[in-house]
Every structure is written in C-alpha cells, then in structure tokens.
C-alpha cells in the first residue's frame, strides 16, 4: 500500500546539505518525491512509498544529518497518486 506525506522541517536545515542527505536517504528507502527549501527557512519534503519505508524515512527526518538540527516536523498525509519517478532536490 502506497503512502504519501508532506513534511515541513524546521530548524537549522538550510545551508547544511539537508536536502542532499535527504535525497540519499530517500534513495536508500526507495522514496519518490522531492525536497526543497522554503523562503521561511524550512525544508519541504514530499515523499511517497510503501508504508514501512515512509515510516523509516520519517524517523530519519526527525534526526536529519549530523550537520543539521531538526527542531520540528509538521506532517500532512496526502492522497497517493504516484506522479514521481525519482527523488529530486528542488
């Protein structure tokens, strides 16, 4: 069963290679979607995969790479529609 989520990650997440590490972790968990910087300093992640892989990915996002500091994640469940073929940095 496919699950799709939107994560808004707050903290020190821009300028610390957060998106690059996120893309690498997404590939590891076979996640499709993207990660992009927002003007307010957060990173937006759209992730779609099977339930177990999404859960593992979300757990990683709560920690992030050692270069980052994740203070908060706002998560929204989205309707799965599988428009992505890979995980991109935007």
Protein backbone atom coordinates (compact mmCIF):
# COMPACT_ATOMS: atom_id res chain seq x y z
CA UNK A 1 0.00 0.00 0.00
CA UNK A 2 1.39 3.37 -1.04
CA UNK A 3 1.53 6.30 1.34
CA UNK A 4 2.30 9.94 0.54
CA UNK A 5 3.24 12.62 3.07
CA UNK A 6 4.26 16.25 3.13
CA UNK A 7 6.87 17.14 5.75
CA UNK A 8 7.76 20.71 6.70
CA UNK A 9 11.05 20.53 8.57
CA UNK A 10 12.10 23.41 10.84
CA UNK A 11 15.45 24.09 12.49
CA UNK A 12 18.92 24.54 11.04
CA UNK A 13 18.05 22.75 7.79
CA UNK A 14 19.20 25.14 5.07
CA UNK A 15 22.84 25.57 4.10
CA UNK A 16 23.83 22.31 5.85
CA UNK A 17 23.31 19.83 2.97
CA UNK A 18 20.00 18.68 4.45
CA UNK A 19 18.39 18.23 1.03
CA UNK A 20 21.36 16.25 -0.33
CA UNK A 21 21.39 13.88 2.65
CA UNK A 22 17.60 13.62 2.40
CA UNK A 23 17.82 12.62 -1.26
CA UNK A 24 20.43 9.97 -0.43
CA UNK A 25 18.28 8.57 2.39
CA UNK A 26 15.20 8.66 0.12
CA UNK A 27 17.04 6.58 -2.46
CA UNK A 28 18.04 4.13 0.28
CA UNK A 29 14.37 3.70 1.28
CA UNK A 30 13.06 3.77 -2.33
CA UNK A 31 11.15 7.01 -1.69
CA UNK A 32 9.85 9.06 -4.62
CA UNK A 33 9.22 12.81 -4.40
CA UNK A 34 11.34 15.87 -3.65
CA UNK A 35 12.93 18.12 -1.05
CA UNK A 36 13.05 21.89 -1.49
CA UNK A 37 13.97 24.96 0.51
CA UNK A 38 11.17 27.33 1.51
CA UNK A 39 11.64 31.11 1.86
CA UNK A 40 10.91 30.93 5.61
CA UNK A 41 13.95 28.69 6.27
CA UNK A 42 12.13 25.36 6.39
CA UNK A 43 12.58 22.43 4.03
CA UNK A 44 9.51 20.95 2.35
CA UNK A 45 9.59 17.24 1.60
CA UNK A 46 7.02 15.34 -0.44
CA UNK A 47 7.60 11.62 -0.04
CA UNK A 48 5.76 8.64 -1.50
CA UNK A 49 6.47 4.93 -0.96
CA UNK A 50 5.16 1.90 0.88
CA UNK A 51 4.12 2.40 4.50
CA UNK A 52 7.19 0.80 6.13
CA UNK A 53 9.67 2.79 4.01
CA UNK A 54 7.82 6.05 4.69
CA UNK A 55 7.89 5.36 8.44
CA UNK A 56 11.64 4.67 8.37
CA UNK A 57 12.24 7.80 6.28
CA UNK A 58 10.16 9.98 8.65
CA UNK A 59 12.14 8.65 11.62
CA UNK A 60 15.37 9.62 9.86
CA UNK A 61 13.98 13.09 9.02
CA UNK A 62 13.37 13.75 12.72
CA UNK A 63 17.14 13.45 13.26
CA UNK A 64 18.47 14.52 9.87
CA UNK A 65 22.16 14.58 9.02
CA UNK A 66 24.76 15.44 11.65
CA UNK A 67 25.23 18.86 10.00
CA UNK A 68 21.60 19.84 10.66
CA UNK A 69 19.41 20.47 13.69
CA UNK A 70 15.76 19.43 13.33
CA UNK A 71 13.52 21.30 15.78
CA UNK A 72 10.08 20.37 14.46
CA UNK A 73 8.35 18.49 11.66
CA UNK A 74 4.82 19.31 10.57
CA UNK A 75 3.38 16.33 8.71
CA UNK A 76 0.36 16.16 6.42
CA UNK A 77 -0.99 12.98 4.84
CA UNK A 78 -1.62 13.37 1.10
CA UNK A 79 -3.58 11.29 -1.38
CA UNK A 80 -1.14 8.86 -3.08
CA UNK A 81 -1.06 9.42 -6.82
CA UNK A 82 2.48 8.30 -7.77
CA UNK A 83 3.43 11.18 -10.09
CA UNK A 84 7.12 10.90 -9.20
CA UNK A 85 9.67 8.58 -10.78
CA UNK A 86 12.61 9.54 -8.52
CA UNK A 87 13.52 11.76 -5.57
CA UNK A 88 14.70 15.22 -6.58
CA UNK A 89 16.24 18.25 -4.94
CA UNK A 90 14.35 21.41 -5.83
